Each structure stands twice: as C-alpha cells, then as structure tokens.
Amino acid sequence: GWVNLPLLHDDVNLRVLVRKEKSEEEETKIWPTETAMERIWFQMHHRVCQFWLQYTSTMTRRLLEHALLLCAILCFGILIIMHKNFVFRLNQSNCASSCLSNYTQEADIIYLAVDSRLNHTMSIVERGVDRKNVDSMSCIGESEASDFNIEYSYSSRKGYLLLDDDDPILESLSVQYIIVSPDDLQCFGDGALQFLVWDLGMGWNTILMNWLLVFNKPDEVAYIRHSKTQRLQELVVPSVQGSGFQSFAQAATTKLSVLVQTSFLFFFCTTLVSFTLNETQERMLQFTEELSRRVARNLPINFLVTTHVLDSLIFCPLMVGKFFFLIEFYKGDRFLAFLFMSVVWFVEVFTVLSLRSYHGITYFPRIFFLLFCLFHIYYFANPSIGFSYLAFGVIVLFIIHSMMFFWHRYELPAVAFGYINMQRPRANVALQQVPPDPPMPPQVRRVFQVSFDEMIASDMSLLRTAPSS
C-alpha cells in the first residue's frame, strides 16, 4: 500500500509517495547477520535522508554542491600556479631556479634560513678553522649567521648532517649560510604569490627544498635535514629526458610502474578497510544480541565481554601494519600516510552507509579511483619536491563534491520516492526473506527516469493526485 507523507521542499509542503512501514511482527523477526546489518545501515541512511529533506531545500543543497566544486577548481588553479613558479626544473626559468643561483658556493654544508627582518636575500660563507667570514655576498651587520633560525641543512655527504652541532669536525668544514627574505621578489614573486606562500601557508617549506636543488647536479643524490623534525631526506634532481626510442621506453616504463603501484595501493587499502569494517560491525551486532539475551535471562556476561574484546584486538595489528606500510610507501611521511588512511576510511563508510542508488554504486567508485590515480601520478612525478599536501587537499575537495553530487541528485530522490526501501536497501541487493510489497504504480515509476529537480517540477500534478491507502 501507499500513504502520503509531508515533505519539505523549497519551503513548500509537498506530498511524496512512500511505502508503509512493516508491521511490528515483521520488525521482531530474527534475521541473518548480513540481512540485519543491511537493515541497520538502511535505517541510519533513512534517518539522515529524512533530516536533510526536512531541514534543507533543493537550492541549499545545490549551492553547497556548486560551492564545493568552485573551491576544488580554485585550489587546483592555485596548485598549477605554485607548481609552475616554485618547482625546480632543469633548463627552465622560475623562482626556484633563479633565487639561489647567484649564491652557489663550494661549501660542505649549506644552511638555509628565512628572516622577515631582511628586505633581500643574502649569503655568507665561512671557511677554514678560524671561521672567518669571506666571500660574503652581503653584509649581515651586527648579527652573526648562526643567530638566524635555520630551516634546512644541505650537504652532498650524509655523514656531515649527522654530526652534532658541537662536534669539532664542523670547525674544519666550509659552511655557507643563505638567509632568505620573505619580501624578495626574485624568490617569491609578486604580491599575489607572496600572499599564497606566507599568508595562506601554501607549502613554503616545499619551496625551500626546491631551492636547494640548485646546488645539486642531475641524477646526483644529496641530503637535507629538517631542523625542527631532525628528519633526513634524499634529494635527486630529475634529469632531462633525451630523444629517441630509449627515452620513450624509459618514460613509458616509469608511467606504467606508477599506474601499477597506484592500482595495487588502491585495491589493497580499500579491500582491507572494507573487510575490517564489515567484520567489526558484524561481530558487534552478534555481541549486542547475545548480551541482550544474557542480560534478560540474568546470565553471566564476563566471558562474553572478554571474548569480544579479544576478537576485536585481532584487527589492531592489521591497521597498525597498514599504517606502517603507507609510511614506507610515502617515504617516511607519517602525516600524509595518516591523511590518506583517514580519507579511505571516510569514503568506505560513505559507500557502505549512503551509496545505494544504481548511479552511485556504478560511477562513484570509478570517480574515486580516477582521483586516487591523479594524486599518485603527481606525487610520483615530483617526489619530495612537489606540493603534495596541496594536491591532496584538491583531491579531497573533488571527492567531497562527488559525494554531495550523488547524494543530492540520486540518493535522496531514491529514498524519497521509495526506490530504495527496506526490501531493497541497495539497487543491487534485495532481501529475499522479506515479502515484496505491491508493485509500484506506473505513474510513480516514470518519476525515476528524470532528475530530482526536474521530477518535482514536471510531476507536480501527479503527486497531488496520487491515490492514498
């Protein structure tokens, strides 16, 4: 049967056809675990849909969807501008290749610092045991070079960067201090670029790392040390690709390797997260049912609780192992590994809970895989010198926009018009244990062929004249 339920849409009370709820006898029926989990997830999804339909309008959801898309496109444009101006490339002139090119010296260790008190970039070289300042490109004044806040230390030899600050060996090494001014137009470009770098914090540490590549030769390995984290990292200047079949084969092999690594990481992470989520939810449901039964019959629960805790601890090594695997995959970047794992969990929960229509189930995983591949192609093409966090933020914005797109245009209409219901919680899943409802009227079935906005406008007369039970 069919009943009329008032629904708020664009501040106008409409009547939408929805299916009747099942009787209390069917609700108290004992279901298999998979069926019970689908019922629980559908009930959560149904409550969320009701909340959105009652407290938001179509215009509000449309504005939110378009605002997310606009923010994603804007951040993508910022990523292109930052990459073009600050990522170092051989035989290409930009801020990365021109800022420190006048300060190249034959020094064992190069210290890079940023000081807002200066209005131009300067360089100081200390040579020999007496540490006298020679070969200075500019005068520091009363301050000493060591008084500045060092951001990065650079050397072609790894052992030099592992020495302690008070090690006597450092006194015999040639040391160069480069103090960069944030207002230097040659290093940070015009006012718009300086606003992006310093006011918005768009990866200024990545810019400093690209500058240090000026001192390195193609395909030569050098090392930098972060002064705050004390993390040691390798830097390699990408070589210029030659011409001919050999260079083409090398480039094709590199791109194929990136695609294989990305595909492996995608299926490995999503499969493991999906398995963990399903198993933990099913065990929790079984535990809740057994706990309710024992409490009702006044039976002991100590053994039940202990068994459940021990079973749940099995998944902790899986998550910890996955996290350490991602750390190695992202070359020691713990924060990026954590962000990536969090996004995969977020997308998996959205898929299980709210992705139920045919269009969502068919196209959203493909879009997520495409965005996933685009980020890793950029990451592997610019190892250690690209704006990885900015690129990751752009991909996250596009993912959230895709979620909002499918939620607003397909998931909400599917629930509101009964296409997704308790008997059919997903477009590809039907609970055979539940007797089917009477067939849907042909007039309402035609509604599913158009979008939600067009449906409200074109079938207003149909909804007003729909028969009630």
Foldseek 3Di string as FASTA:
>chain_A
DWFWDWWQAPNDTFTFIADDDDDPVVVPDDDDLVLVVLLVLLVVQLVVLRVCRRPHYLVRLVVVLVVLVVVLVVLVVVQVVCCLAQADAPPDDHLLQFQCLVPADPFQKEWEAEDQVDQAKWKWKFAALVRDTPPTPDDPPPDDLVVTDTFKMKGLDPVVLVDDPPDSVVSHTMYMYIYGHLNHCSNQNDPVSSCCCPVVVQCPVLSVVSNVCNNPDAQRWMWMAGPVVRDIDIDHHHDDQDDDDVSVVVVVVVVVVLVVVLVVVVCVLLVLLLVLVVVLVSLVVVLVVVVVVCVVVVHDCPVSVVVSVVVNVVCVVVVVVQLVVLCVVLPNPNVVSVVVSVVSNVVSVCCSNQQAEPCSVPPLVVLLSVLSSVLSVQCVVRPSNRSSVSSVVSSVSVNVSVSSVCCSWPRSVCNSNHVADSQRPHPPDGDPVDDDDPDDDPVSVVLVVDTPVVSCVPCSVVSVPPDRD
